[in-house]
Amino acid sequence: MDAKKLGKKLKLARIELDMNQNQLAEALHIQQKSISRYETGLALPSLETLEKLVFVLKKPYGYFLDDSK
């Protein structure tokens, strides 16, 4: 999984829902700096966090895991 590609997809999905990083972090019960690190590709979310992202951002798993886009 390419961390930078995943980060771009996370950011796009968040913006589509008109959420800021703080709102997403609160919904996931994690720190805002974690969202920032995911979006910049400095870190990858755990599987548990990815599961929560899928639910909160209303996207299928494949949206985040497909490296081709």
Protein backbone atom coordinates (compact mmCIF):
# COMPACT_ATOMS: atom_id res chain seq x y z
CA MET A 1 0.00 0.00 0.00
CA ASP A 2 1.42 3.36 -1.04
CA ALA A 3 1.13 5.72 1.94
CA LYS A 4 1.13 8.89 -0.17
CA LYS A 5 -1.64 7.62 -2.47
CA LEU A 6 -3.69 6.50 0.50
CA GLY A 7 -3.17 9.91 2.11
CA LYS A 8 -4.43 11.74 -0.97
CA LYS A 9 -7.53 9.55 -1.05
CA LEU A 10 -8.18 10.12 2.64
CA LYS A 11 -7.94 13.87 2.18
CA LEU A 12 -10.24 13.87 -0.86
CA ALA A 13 -12.83 11.73 0.93
CA ARG A 14 -12.69 14.00 3.98
CA ILE A 15 -13.11 17.13 1.89
CA GLU A 16 -16.02 15.58 -0.04
CA LEU A 17 -17.84 15.34 3.29
CA ASP A 18 -16.87 18.91 4.18
CA MET A 19 -14.93 17.76 7.24
CA ASN A 20 -11.75 19.23 8.62
CA GLN A 21 -9.00 17.14 10.19
CA ASN A 22 -10.19 17.89 13.72
CA GLN A 23 -13.72 16.71 12.98
CA LEU A 24 -12.45 13.49 11.43
CA ALA A 25 -10.09 12.88 14.34
CA GLU A 26 -12.94 13.36 16.82
CA ALA A 27 -15.15 10.93 14.89
CA LEU A 28 -12.36 8.33 15.00
CA HIS A 29 -11.35 9.08 18.61
CA ILE A 30 -7.75 9.77 17.60
CA GLN A 31 -5.52 12.85 17.56
CA GLN A 32 -5.63 15.38 14.71
CA LYS A 33 -1.90 14.96 14.15
CA SER A 34 -2.54 11.31 13.24
CA ILE A 35 -4.92 12.42 10.47
CA SER A 36 -2.28 14.86 9.25
CA ARG A 37 0.37 12.12 9.19
CA TYR A 38 -1.95 9.78 7.26
CA GLU A 39 -2.82 12.47 4.71
CA THR A 40 0.81 13.43 4.11
CA GLY A 41 1.88 9.80 3.78
CA LEU A 42 4.13 9.88 6.83
CA ALA A 43 2.17 7.09 8.52
CA LEU A 44 -0.35 4.39 7.65
CA PRO A 45 -3.49 3.85 9.72
CA SER A 46 -3.89 0.58 11.58
CA LEU A 47 -6.45 -1.88 10.24
CA GLU A 48 -8.78 -0.88 13.07
CA THR A 49 -8.45 2.80 12.15
CA LEU A 50 -8.88 2.01 8.45
CA GLU A 51 -12.11 0.21 9.27
CA LYS A 52 -13.35 3.32 11.10
CA LEU A 53 -12.25 5.56 8.19
CA VAL A 54 -14.27 3.45 5.76
CA PHE A 55 -17.36 3.89 7.92
CA VAL A 56 -16.96 7.59 8.73
CA LEU A 57 -15.90 8.65 5.21
CA LYS A 58 -18.57 6.45 3.56
CA LYS A 59 -16.21 4.80 1.09
CA PRO A 60 -15.63 1.11 0.32
CA TYR A 61 -12.39 -0.54 1.44
CA GLY A 62 -11.32 -0.81 -2.19
CA TYR A 63 -11.32 2.97 -2.54
CA PHE A 64 -8.47 3.22 -0.05
CA LEU A 65 -6.62 0.01 -0.87
CA ASP A 66 -6.48 0.28 -4.67
CA ASP A 67 -2.99 1.59 -5.50
CA SER A 68 -3.73 2.07 -9.20
CA LYS A 69 -5.50 5.42 -8.78
